[in-house]
Protein backbone atom coordinates (compact mmCIF):
# COMPACT_ATOMS: atom_id res chain seq x y z
CA MET A 1 0.07 0.06 -0.06
CA VAL A 2 2.52 2.23 1.16
CA LEU A 3 4.86 2.00 -2.30
CA THR A 4 1.28 2.12 -4.53
CA THR A 5 0.56 5.56 -2.88
CA SER A 6 4.58 6.54 -2.90
CA LEU A 7 4.45 5.74 -7.36
CA LEU A 8 1.11 7.38 -7.05
CA LEU A 9 2.50 10.62 -5.63
CA LEU A 10 5.79 10.51 -7.69
CA LEU A 11 3.46 10.06 -10.83
CA SER A 12 1.34 12.87 -10.24
CA LEU A 13 4.59 15.42 -9.16
CA ALA A 14 5.93 14.17 -12.63
CA LEU A 15 3.33 15.01 -14.32
CA LEU A 16 2.83 18.92 -12.67
CA ALA A 17 6.21 19.17 -12.88
CA PRO A 18 5.58 20.67 -16.32
CA GLY A 19 3.48 23.06 -15.52
CA LEU A 20 5.53 24.66 -12.00
CA SER A 21 8.55 25.05 -13.81
CA ALA A 22 7.50 27.25 -16.81
CA GLU A 23 7.43 31.25 -16.28
CA GLN A 24 5.13 33.68 -16.96
CA CYS A 25 5.35 35.47 -20.41
CA VAL A 26 3.89 38.62 -19.67
CA LEU A 27 2.71 40.81 -22.62
CA THR A 28 2.75 43.92 -21.01
CA GLY A 29 5.45 46.92 -21.66
CA TRP A 30 8.85 47.60 -24.25
CA TRP A 31 9.19 45.23 -27.24
CA ILE A 32 11.30 46.11 -30.23
CA ASN A 33 11.72 43.27 -33.13
CA ASP A 34 15.12 42.91 -35.28
CA LEU A 35 13.98 45.55 -37.97
CA GLY A 36 13.84 48.13 -35.24
CA SER A 37 10.10 48.17 -35.08
CA ASP A 38 8.96 49.07 -31.63
CA MET A 39 5.56 48.60 -29.83
CA THR A 40 4.34 49.20 -25.75
CA ILE A 41 1.53 47.32 -24.57
CA GLY A 42 -0.33 48.53 -22.00
CA ALA A 43 -1.87 46.81 -19.32
CA LEU A 44 -4.24 44.16 -19.45
CA SER A 45 -7.99 44.27 -18.87
CA SER A 46 -9.54 42.00 -16.43
CA ASN A 47 -10.67 39.81 -19.81
CA GLY A 48 -7.51 40.28 -21.65
CA GLU A 49 -8.07 43.34 -23.76
CA PHE A 50 -5.32 46.26 -23.55
CA THR A 51 -4.10 48.93 -25.75
CA GLY A 52 -0.93 50.39 -26.69
CA THR A 53 1.20 52.35 -29.62
CA PHE A 54 3.54 50.77 -32.28
CA HIS A 55 5.99 52.95 -34.09
CA THR A 56 7.41 51.13 -37.14
CA ALA A 57 11.10 51.70 -38.56
CA VAL A 58 9.34 49.99 -41.71
CA MET A 59 9.07 52.68 -44.31
CA THR A 60 10.34 55.05 -46.79
CA PRO A 61 12.42 58.28 -44.93
CA THR A 62 9.85 61.14 -46.75
CA LYS A 63 6.60 59.89 -44.48
CA ASP A 64 6.58 61.66 -40.97
CA ILE A 65 6.03 58.12 -39.02
CA LYS A 66 4.10 58.82 -35.94
CA ALA A 67 3.47 55.83 -33.13
CA SER A 68 -0.06 54.70 -34.51
CA PRO A 69 -2.30 52.73 -32.05
CA LEU A 70 -2.88 49.30 -31.32
CA VAL A 71 -5.46 47.24 -29.18
CA GLY A 72 -5.44 43.49 -28.99
CA ILE A 73 -6.90 40.97 -26.34
CA GLN A 74 -5.11 37.74 -25.36
CA HIS A 75 -5.39 35.04 -23.47
CA THR A 76 -4.56 34.21 -19.53
CA LYS A 77 -1.70 31.67 -19.64
CA THR A 78 1.75 31.23 -18.93
CA GLN A 79 3.04 31.36 -22.40
CA PRO A 80 -0.37 33.45 -23.80
CA THR A 81 -1.55 33.32 -27.18
CA PHE A 82 -3.01 37.10 -28.41
CA GLY A 83 -4.01 39.58 -31.58
CA PHE A 84 -3.85 43.05 -32.33
CA THR A 85 -4.69 45.56 -35.36
CA VAL A 86 -2.57 48.38 -35.68
CA ASN A 87 -4.61 51.11 -37.44
CA TRP A 88 -1.61 53.19 -39.48
CA ASN A 89 -2.26 56.85 -38.50
CA TYR A 90 0.42 57.98 -41.28
CA THR A 91 -1.17 55.55 -44.76
CA GLU A 92 -4.33 54.19 -45.14
CA SER A 93 -3.61 50.78 -43.91
CA THR A 94 -4.12 47.94 -41.07
CA THR A 95 -2.58 45.87 -39.75
CA VAL A 96 -3.39 42.60 -37.53
CA PHE A 97 -0.90 40.79 -35.86
CA THR A 98 -1.34 36.87 -34.19
CA GLY A 99 1.17 35.62 -31.89
CA GLN A 100 2.20 33.97 -28.70
CA CYS A 101 4.38 35.00 -25.80
CA PHE A 102 7.22 32.71 -24.91
CA VAL A 103 9.72 32.03 -22.15
CA ASP A 104 12.97 30.70 -23.80
CA THR A 105 15.51 27.81 -21.96
CA GLU A 106 17.59 31.55 -20.62
CA GLY A 107 14.21 32.79 -19.23
CA LYS A 108 14.00 35.52 -21.74
CA GLU A 109 10.90 36.67 -22.98
CA ILE A 110 10.29 35.91 -27.05
CA LEU A 111 6.91 37.44 -29.08
CA LYS A 112 6.64 35.13 -32.13
CA VAL A 113 4.27 36.91 -34.54
CA THR A 114 2.52 36.20 -37.93
CA TRP A 115 1.14 39.39 -39.52
CA LEU A 116 -1.16 40.66 -42.30
CA LEU A 117 -0.95 44.12 -43.49
CA GLN A 118 -4.10 45.42 -45.41
CA SER A 119 -2.95 48.18 -47.92
CA HIS A 120 -5.44 50.88 -49.40
CA VAL A 121 -6.08 50.16 -53.33
CA ASN A 122 -8.07 52.27 -55.62
CA SER A 123 -10.44 49.49 -56.96
CA ILE A 124 -11.24 46.21 -56.56
CA LYS A 125 -9.28 45.07 -59.95
CA ASP A 126 -5.84 45.78 -57.50
CA ASN A 127 -7.26 43.65 -54.54
CA TRP A 128 -4.98 41.00 -55.15
CA LYS A 129 -1.83 43.07 -54.19
CA ALA A 130 -2.96 44.71 -51.47
CA THR A 131 -2.55 42.08 -48.71
CA LYS A 132 1.33 41.34 -47.74
CA VAL A 133 1.94 38.70 -44.73
CA GLY A 134 5.00 38.59 -42.65
CA ALA A 135 6.30 37.42 -39.66
CA ASP A 136 8.38 38.52 -36.50
CA THR A 137 9.83 38.41 -33.34
CA PHE A 138 9.85 41.17 -30.72
CA THR A 139 12.10 41.26 -27.98
CA ARG A 140 11.53 42.85 -24.41
CA ARG A 141 13.62 46.49 -24.91
CA ALA A 142 15.64 47.23 -21.93
CA GLU A 143 16.57 50.77 -22.39
CA VAL A 144 14.17 53.06 -20.40
CA MET A 145 12.17 54.77 -22.76
CA GLU A 146 12.13 58.88 -23.15
């Protein structure tokens, strides 16, 4: 009986251990991708909704690029999935992002995202060229915001 109880306890701990060792990935904060675009995600509401700003580094230098608003929602798991929309304030286009917040083996938080950029076109016959698809990796930005 004692051996059976000990084996059940050991099995239970082995099954629960992966959940206990996973670190929480927190979406709130300042993030940057490998192209230099950065975003700030504000505090989550009780149902996982958030707002923030996105500043792209990928645009022609003649444009006056300003931070654009973003709105989104996330699940509240340890390494949550999320989605948000950026309404670009310098052009007639919108981008939706979806992804997951991970904690790597060294404890570093990483956002892996896929995005769809919908650009404005003047007619339905040009719609075929209006959507671009891409992927990005964001890491937490360590510097203090100015």
